[in-house]
Amino acid sequence: MNNLQASMHIVLANTFLMYIKSHGYHWNVTGPDFSEYHRFFGELYKELWESIDDIAEHIRAIDGYVIANLNTYTEIGTVEVVKDELNPFPAEAMFMQLAVDNQRVLDSLTNARALAEEARNYGLINFIEERLDVHAKHAWMLKASVRE
């Protein structure tokens, strides 16, 4: 596996781990703003889910095979795994954690973009740029959802 493939696997792992977490938050959020938060987390996890197959296809397009193992995702990813799902924390903490996770996805995308640029893989660069834009939007929406 070359560096570009490895970096895209980290993007995939981080995206998948953020997807799982946001889906769990969608299921477990509580409080007076439940409907709004439930809907927000639902839109977020659906967007992440839809991106996962595209990321995997781009790994295949650079002659890589796609890792499809949750244990490996937790080993190579930088998104922290929630250990205590049966005791969910307040919605604000969910937003704060997803903001941190989203930044980790952005960081992995930025790294992959630099390697794609070195490889002059312009199609992959375009795809990564689109993902960077999506995650930049996620960043401000997550930040805006937390009390200052």
Protein backbone atom coordinates (compact mmCIF):
# COMPACT_ATOMS: atom_id res chain seq x y z
CA MET A 1 0.00 0.00 0.00
CA ASN A 2 1.42 3.38 -0.97
CA ASN A 3 1.14 6.60 1.05
CA LEU A 4 -1.80 7.95 -0.95
CA GLN A 5 -3.76 4.74 -0.49
CA ALA A 6 -2.93 4.70 3.23
CA SER A 7 -4.05 8.31 3.61
CA MET A 8 -7.34 7.56 1.86
CA HIS A 9 -7.87 4.59 4.20
CA ILE A 10 -7.54 7.02 7.12
CA VAL A 11 -10.10 9.30 5.47
CA LEU A 12 -12.41 6.30 5.09
CA ALA A 13 -11.85 5.15 8.68
CA ASN A 14 -12.44 8.63 10.10
CA THR A 15 -15.56 9.17 8.00
CA PHE A 16 -16.95 5.76 8.98
CA LEU A 17 -16.25 6.32 12.67
CA MET A 18 -17.84 9.77 12.56
CA TYR A 19 -20.83 8.23 10.74
CA ILE A 20 -21.29 5.60 13.48
CA LYS A 21 -21.01 8.20 16.23
CA SER A 22 -23.44 10.65 14.60
CA HIS A 23 -25.91 7.82 14.01
CA GLY A 24 -25.66 6.82 17.66
CA TYR A 25 -26.23 10.43 18.70
CA HIS A 26 -29.27 10.54 16.41
CA TRP A 27 -30.69 7.54 18.26
CA ASN A 28 -29.80 8.68 21.78
CA VAL A 29 -30.13 12.45 21.92
CA THR A 30 -32.58 13.73 24.54
CA GLY A 31 -33.78 17.06 25.86
CA PRO A 32 -36.14 19.90 25.07
CA ASP A 33 -34.66 20.35 21.56
CA PHE A 34 -34.86 16.64 20.78
CA SER A 35 -36.66 16.99 17.43
CA GLU A 36 -34.25 19.58 16.09
CA TYR A 37 -31.14 17.68 17.28
CA HIS A 38 -32.51 14.33 16.12
CA ARG A 39 -33.08 15.80 12.66
CA PHE A 40 -29.63 17.46 12.59
CA PHE A 41 -27.82 14.26 13.56
CA GLY A 42 -29.94 12.33 11.05
CA GLU A 43 -28.94 14.64 8.20
CA LEU A 44 -25.31 14.46 9.28
CA TYR A 45 -25.12 10.67 9.47
CA LYS A 46 -26.91 10.31 6.12
CA GLU A 47 -24.45 12.66 4.42
CA LEU A 48 -21.50 10.79 5.91
CA TRP A 49 -22.99 7.41 4.97
CA GLU A 50 -23.47 8.48 1.36
CA SER A 51 -19.84 9.58 1.13
CA ILE A 52 -18.37 6.29 2.36
CA ASP A 53 -18.92 4.36 -0.87
CA ASP A 54 -17.44 7.22 -2.92
CA ILE A 55 -14.34 7.24 -0.72
CA ALA A 56 -13.97 3.47 -1.15
CA GLU A 57 -14.37 3.75 -4.92
CA HIS A 58 -11.64 6.37 -5.04
CA ILE A 59 -9.36 4.00 -3.12
CA ARG A 60 -10.06 1.34 -5.75
CA ALA A 61 -9.40 3.89 -8.51
CA ILE A 62 -5.86 4.41 -7.16
CA ASP A 63 -5.24 0.64 -7.33
CA GLY A 64 -5.92 0.00 -3.67
CA TYR A 65 -8.11 -2.56 -1.99
CA VAL A 66 -10.53 -1.20 0.56
CA ILE A 67 -10.21 -2.06 4.23
CA ALA A 68 -13.62 -3.13 5.49
CA ASN A 69 -12.92 -3.96 9.10
CA LEU A 70 -14.15 -1.92 12.05
CA ASN A 71 -11.22 -2.97 14.25
CA THR A 72 -8.79 -1.67 11.65
CA TYR A 73 -10.76 1.56 11.35
CA THR A 74 -10.41 2.13 15.08
CA GLU A 75 -6.67 1.38 14.85
CA ILE A 76 -5.85 3.67 11.92
CA GLY A 77 -8.50 6.34 12.40
CA THR A 78 -8.05 9.41 14.55
CA VAL A 79 -11.73 9.81 15.44
CA GLU A 80 -12.24 8.73 19.04
CA VAL A 81 -14.61 5.81 19.60
CA VAL A 82 -17.34 6.30 22.22
CA LYS A 83 -16.87 3.61 24.87
CA ASP A 84 -19.99 4.09 27.00
CA GLU A 85 -22.91 4.17 24.59
CA LEU A 86 -25.44 3.14 27.24
CA ASN A 87 -24.88 6.36 29.17
CA PRO A 88 -25.17 9.07 26.53
CA PHE A 89 -24.03 12.54 27.43
CA PRO A 90 -25.84 15.86 26.94
CA ALA A 91 -26.59 17.08 23.42
CA GLU A 92 -24.13 19.95 23.72
CA ALA A 93 -21.33 17.48 24.47
CA MET A 94 -22.41 15.46 21.42
CA PHE A 95 -22.03 18.53 19.22
CA MET A 96 -18.66 19.37 20.78
CA GLN A 97 -17.37 15.83 20.22
CA LEU A 98 -18.57 15.79 16.62
CA ALA A 99 -16.84 19.14 16.04
CA VAL A 100 -13.56 17.57 17.20
CA ASP A 101 -14.21 14.49 15.05
CA ASN A 102 -15.05 16.63 12.04
CA GLN A 103 -11.75 18.46 12.43
CA ARG A 104 -9.97 15.11 12.42
CA VAL A 105 -11.74 14.19 9.19
CA LEU A 106 -10.71 17.57 7.74
CA ASP A 107 -7.10 16.97 8.79
CA SER A 108 -7.06 13.52 7.15
CA LEU A 109 -8.59 14.97 3.97
CA THR A 110 -5.98 17.74 3.91
CA ASN A 111 -3.20 15.17 4.22
CA ALA A 112 -4.71 13.01 1.47
CA ARG A 113 -5.09 16.07 -0.74
CA ALA A 114 -1.38 16.91 -0.42
CA LEU A 115 -0.46 13.34 -1.41
CA ALA A 116 -2.94 13.37 -4.32
CA GLU A 117 -1.35 16.62 -5.50
CA GLU A 118 2.11 15.03 -5.37
CA ALA A 119 0.72 12.16 -7.46
CA ARG A 120 -0.96 14.64 -9.83
CA ASN A 121 -4.21 12.76 -9.43
CA TYR A 122 -6.54 15.61 -10.33
CA GLY A 123 -9.73 13.58 -10.18
CA LEU A 124 -8.96 12.56 -6.62
CA ILE A 125 -7.96 16.14 -5.78
CA ASN A 126 -11.37 17.33 -7.03
CA PHE A 127 -13.16 14.69 -4.96
CA ILE A 128 -11.19 15.59 -1.84
CA GLU A 129 -11.85 19.30 -2.42
CA GLU A 130 -15.58 18.55 -2.48
CA ARG A 131 -15.29 16.62 0.78
CA LEU A 132 -13.28 19.45 2.33
CA ASP A 133 -16.10 21.87 1.42
CA VAL A 134 -18.73 19.57 2.93
CA HIS A 135 -16.76 19.16 6.16
CA ALA A 136 -16.11 22.91 6.35
CA LYS A 137 -19.90 23.34 6.36
CA HIS A 138 -20.24 20.63 9.01
CA ALA A 139 -17.64 22.51 11.08
CA TRP A 140 -19.53 25.79 11.24
CA MET A 141 -22.88 24.07 11.78
CA LEU A 142 -21.50 22.02 14.68
CA LYS A 143 -19.78 25.04 16.18
CA ALA A 144 -22.94 27.13 15.83
CA SER A 145 -24.88 24.46 17.74
CA VAL A 146 -22.76 24.84 20.88
CA ARG A 147 -23.29 27.63 23.38
CA GLU A 148 -20.33 29.99 23.58
